[in-house]
């Protein structure tokens, strides 16, 4: 499905979110340790928007690796690479975020945007993210959630569950993919449940940032630093 919609994916993101998806990605970048010699992983990079946003703010020889299962999405990301600011600091790898093809404890941070709803095994996703991070490393995830009950939720549900599939049919010529998008949000777990899964994977200091009345949420969590034990002589 993601291979099918890859060519119109960026356009649909801008249109459906009224351009706010770019602003939300900037919020993710603000949570990253953008210092020299840092290695950052973008899980489910898609066409690379989040990877390039991090590369634009990167310092020195910092490197950002984008991982995705969709070959067509990665082809578009690589096509952007030459022209994107900081593109020379980015690398793209095809693979599964449930078993990423990297050794453990090598990344300073891991990030992901609008991916969690598409993951078949979220506990494994967070467990593997924990494995990849160095002690003290940070994970930042951004996604869309069912809105809390309010006047805004009524308007949101009309727009997202009814109009978005029609927009997808018009611009991407794929109503099914954007019906899936609406359904994936409608049946997704609350942000507090996701925070619990992140904690179960071993992360600590978990913070939830909510935007648009909780429609979009960002989770920030840290892998505990290694505990050092000093042996004192008598």
Protein backbone atom coordinates (compact mmCIF):
# COMPACT_ATOMS: atom_id res chain seq x y z
CA UNK A 1 0.00 0.00 0.00
CA UNK A 2 2.75 2.46 0.88
CA UNK A 3 4.55 1.64 -2.36
CA UNK A 4 1.32 2.51 -4.21
CA UNK A 5 0.86 5.94 -2.63
CA UNK A 6 4.54 6.92 -2.43
CA UNK A 7 4.44 9.36 -5.37
CA UNK A 8 1.66 11.47 -3.80
CA UNK A 9 2.54 10.83 -0.15
CA UNK A 10 4.21 14.18 0.60
CA UNK A 11 1.48 16.17 -1.16
CA UNK A 12 -1.28 14.39 0.75
CA UNK A 13 0.51 14.94 4.07
CA UNK A 14 0.62 18.70 3.44
CA UNK A 15 -2.97 18.90 2.26
CA UNK A 16 -4.60 16.69 4.89
CA UNK A 17 -2.76 18.36 7.80
CA UNK A 18 -3.04 21.90 6.35
CA UNK A 19 0.76 22.02 6.48
CA UNK A 20 0.91 21.35 10.23
CA UNK A 21 2.81 18.08 9.75
CA UNK A 22 5.96 20.11 9.04
CA UNK A 23 5.54 22.04 12.30
CA UNK A 24 4.96 18.82 14.27
CA UNK A 25 8.14 17.32 12.85
CA UNK A 26 10.05 20.39 14.03
CA UNK A 27 8.77 19.66 17.53
CA UNK A 28 10.32 16.19 17.28
CA UNK A 29 13.65 17.65 16.16
CA UNK A 30 13.68 20.00 19.15
CA UNK A 31 13.78 16.96 21.43
CA UNK A 32 16.87 15.44 19.80
CA UNK A 33 20.49 15.72 21.02
CA UNK A 34 21.71 17.55 17.90
CA UNK A 35 25.39 17.65 18.75
CA UNK A 36 28.54 16.56 16.92
CA UNK A 37 29.34 12.85 16.59
CA UNK A 38 25.73 11.87 17.22
CA UNK A 39 24.07 9.00 15.33
CA UNK A 40 20.28 9.26 14.99
CA UNK A 41 17.82 6.70 13.62
CA UNK A 42 14.51 7.54 11.92
CA UNK A 43 12.25 4.48 12.18
CA UNK A 44 9.74 4.34 9.32
CA UNK A 45 11.31 7.25 7.47
CA UNK A 46 9.00 7.02 4.45
CA UNK A 47 10.10 9.65 1.94
CA UNK A 48 12.58 11.05 4.45
CA UNK A 49 10.89 14.24 5.66
CA UNK A 50 11.82 13.71 9.32
CA UNK A 51 15.33 12.52 8.42
CA UNK A 52 15.97 15.64 6.33
CA UNK A 53 14.52 17.90 9.02
CA UNK A 54 17.03 16.46 11.49
CA UNK A 55 19.87 16.72 8.97
CA UNK A 56 19.09 20.41 8.40
CA UNK A 57 19.65 21.08 12.12
CA UNK A 58 22.56 18.65 12.51
CA UNK A 59 25.98 19.85 13.62
CA UNK A 60 29.43 18.74 12.58
CA UNK A 61 29.66 15.13 11.47
CA UNK A 62 26.30 14.08 12.91
CA UNK A 63 24.61 11.36 10.83
CA UNK A 64 20.94 10.45 10.43
CA UNK A 65 19.86 7.04 9.15
CA UNK A 66 16.35 6.51 7.78
CA UNK A 67 14.91 2.98 7.93
CA UNK A 68 11.79 1.86 6.07
CA UNK A 69 10.24 -1.30 4.64
CA UNK A 70 8.85 0.40 1.51
CA UNK A 71 11.30 0.45 -1.40
CA UNK A 72 9.30 3.05 -3.34
CA UNK A 73 9.30 5.42 -0.35
CA UNK A 74 13.06 5.00 -0.02
CA UNK A 75 13.60 5.68 -3.72
CA UNK A 76 11.84 9.02 -3.31
CA UNK A 77 13.87 9.78 -0.18
CA UNK A 78 17.11 9.13 -2.08
CA UNK A 79 15.90 11.34 -4.94
CA UNK A 80 15.51 14.23 -2.45
CA UNK A 81 18.91 13.58 -0.89
CA UNK A 82 21.00 15.59 -3.35
CA UNK A 83 18.96 18.77 -2.95
CA UNK A 84 17.99 18.63 0.73
CA UNK A 85 19.96 20.83 3.18
CA UNK A 86 22.26 18.48 5.08
CA UNK A 87 21.41 15.66 2.68
CA UNK A 88 25.03 14.48 2.70
CA UNK A 89 24.55 13.57 6.37
CA UNK A 90 21.68 11.19 5.63
CA UNK A 91 21.64 7.48 4.78
CA UNK A 92 18.70 5.23 3.90
CA UNK A 93 18.28 1.52 4.63
CA UNK A 94 15.47 -0.87 3.75
CA UNK A 95 14.41 -3.07 6.64
CA UNK A 96 11.89 -3.76 9.38
CA UNK A 97 11.61 -1.58 12.46
CA UNK A 98 10.68 -4.72 14.41
CA UNK A 99 14.16 -6.13 13.85
CA UNK A 100 16.35 -3.29 12.63
CA UNK A 101 19.58 -4.40 10.91
CA UNK A 102 21.92 -2.65 13.35
CA UNK A 103 23.88 -3.82 16.34
CA UNK A 104 22.75 -2.81 19.81
CA UNK A 105 23.56 0.39 21.68
CA UNK A 106 24.91 2.45 18.76
CA UNK A 107 22.36 5.27 18.36
CA UNK A 108 22.18 8.42 20.46
CA UNK A 109 18.51 8.91 19.59
CA UNK A 110 15.68 7.25 17.69
CA UNK A 111 12.67 9.06 16.26
CA UNK A 112 9.54 8.18 14.38
CA UNK A 113 6.63 10.12 12.89
CA UNK A 114 3.17 8.78 11.97
CA UNK A 115 4.37 5.18 12.05
CA UNK A 116 3.06 3.58 15.26
CA UNK A 117 -0.46 2.94 13.90
CA UNK A 118 1.06 0.82 11.12
CA UNK A 119 3.16 -1.41 13.37
CA UNK A 120 1.89 -4.94 13.90
CA UNK A 121 3.73 -5.47 17.21
CA UNK A 122 4.25 -2.28 19.20
CA UNK A 123 5.88 -3.96 22.24
CA UNK A 124 8.51 -5.44 19.89
CA UNK A 125 8.90 -2.09 18.12
CA UNK A 126 9.74 -0.29 21.36
CA UNK A 127 11.87 -3.18 22.62
CA UNK A 128 14.00 -3.06 19.49
CA UNK A 129 14.26 0.73 19.75
CA UNK A 130 15.48 0.27 23.32
CA UNK A 131 18.07 -2.27 22.11
CA UNK A 132 19.47 0.12 19.51
CA UNK A 133 19.94 3.10 21.82
CA UNK A 134 23.00 3.85 23.89
CA UNK A 135 22.44 4.21 27.66
CA UNK A 136 21.01 7.69 28.15
CA UNK A 137 19.68 7.70 24.57
CA UNK A 138 16.33 9.27 23.75
CA UNK A 139 13.33 8.04 21.77
CA UNK A 140 10.80 10.50 20.32
CA UNK A 141 7.62 9.33 18.60
CA UNK A 142 4.88 11.37 16.93
CA UNK A 143 1.50 10.10 15.79
CA UNK A 144 -2.21 10.76 15.31
CA UNK A 145 -4.64 9.58 17.99
CA UNK A 146 -8.42 9.45 18.43
CA UNK A 147 -9.48 12.85 19.83
CA UNK A 148 -10.78 13.35 23.35
CA UNK A 149 -14.53 13.94 23.48
CA UNK A 150 -15.27 17.62 22.90
CA UNK A 151 -16.81 19.96 20.34
CA UNK A 152 -13.54 19.71 18.41
CA UNK A 153 -13.72 15.93 18.20
CA UNK A 154 -17.04 16.15 16.34
CA UNK A 155 -15.54 18.38 13.64
CA UNK A 156 -12.41 16.29 13.51
CA UNK A 157 -14.29 13.01 13.05
CA UNK A 158 -16.36 14.45 10.20
CA UNK A 159 -13.22 15.69 8.48
CA UNK A 160 -10.84 12.81 9.12
CA UNK A 161 -13.12 9.81 8.92
CA UNK A 162 -15.38 11.02 6.09
CA UNK A 163 -13.57 13.64 4.00
CA UNK A 164 -9.97 12.40 4.10
CA UNK A 165 -10.71 9.18 2.13
CA UNK A 166 -12.33 11.34 -0.57
CA UNK A 167 -9.29 13.62 -0.67
CA UNK A 168 -7.08 10.56 -1.01
CA UNK A 169 -9.24 9.28 -3.84
CA UNK A 170 -8.99 12.63 -5.64
CA UNK A 171 -5.28 13.42 -5.22
CA UNK A 172 -3.70 9.98 -4.82
CA UNK A 173 -6.32 8.02 -6.74
CA UNK A 174 -6.37 5.55 -3.86
CA UNK A 175 -9.44 5.78 -1.64
CA UNK A 176 -8.62 2.47 0.03
CA UNK A 177 -5.26 3.65 1.38
CA UNK A 178 -6.76 6.78 2.93
CA UNK A 179 -9.75 4.88 4.25
CA UNK A 180 -7.14 2.69 5.97
CA UNK A 181 -5.49 5.85 7.36
CA UNK A 182 -8.77 7.00 8.91
CA UNK A 183 -9.52 3.56 10.31
CA UNK A 184 -6.01 3.17 11.75
CA UNK A 185 -6.53 6.35 13.77
CA UNK A 186 -10.09 5.49 14.79
CA UNK A 187 -9.00 2.14 16.26
CA UNK A 188 -5.66 3.27 17.72
CA UNK A 189 -4.88 3.11 21.43
CA UNK A 190 -4.93 6.26 23.61
CA UNK A 191 -1.57 8.02 24.14
CA UNK A 192 -1.48 6.89 27.76
CA UNK A 193 -1.62 3.25 26.65
CA UNK A 194 1.27 3.86 24.27
CA UNK A 195 3.22 5.45 27.12
CA UNK A 196 2.67 2.24 29.10
CA UNK A 197 4.11 0.14 26.27
CA UNK A 198 7.13 2.43 26.07
CA UNK A 199 7.69 2.00 29.81
CA UNK A 200 7.35 -1.78 29.56
CA UNK A 201 10.19 -1.78 27.01
CA UNK A 202 12.48 -0.31 29.68
CA UNK A 203 12.28 3.41 28.95
CA UNK A 204 11.96 5.97 31.73
CA UNK A 205 11.16 9.70 32.08
CA UNK A 206 8.29 9.40 29.62
CA UNK A 207 6.55 12.66 28.71
CA UNK A 208 3.49 13.12 26.48
CA UNK A 209 3.11 16.37 24.52
CA UNK A 210 -0.37 16.92 23.07
CA UNK A 211 -1.29 19.09 20.09
CA UNK A 212 -4.70 19.93 18.58
CA UNK A 213 -6.65 18.80 21.63
CA UNK A 214 -4.71 15.51 21.74
CA UNK A 215 -5.29 14.58 18.09
CA UNK A 216 -1.52 14.56 17.60
CA UNK A 217 0.74 13.42 20.45
CA UNK A 218 4.48 13.23 20.88
CA UNK A 219 6.06 10.79 23.33
CA UNK A 220 9.55 11.52 24.63
CA UNK A 221 11.38 8.81 26.61
CA UNK A 222 14.92 7.96 27.70
CA UNK A 223 16.87 4.75 28.05
CA UNK A 224 18.35 4.75 31.56
CA UNK A 225 22.04 5.53 31.76
CA UNK A 226 24.31 2.66 32.75
CA UNK A 227 24.68 2.29 36.50
CA UNK A 228 28.30 2.39 37.59
CA UNK A 229 29.34 0.49 40.71
CA UNK A 230 32.37 1.65 42.66
CA UNK A 231 34.22 -0.88 44.79
CA UNK A 232 35.65 0.81 47.84
CA UNK A 233 38.70 -0.62 49.55
CA UNK A 234 38.71 -1.05 53.32
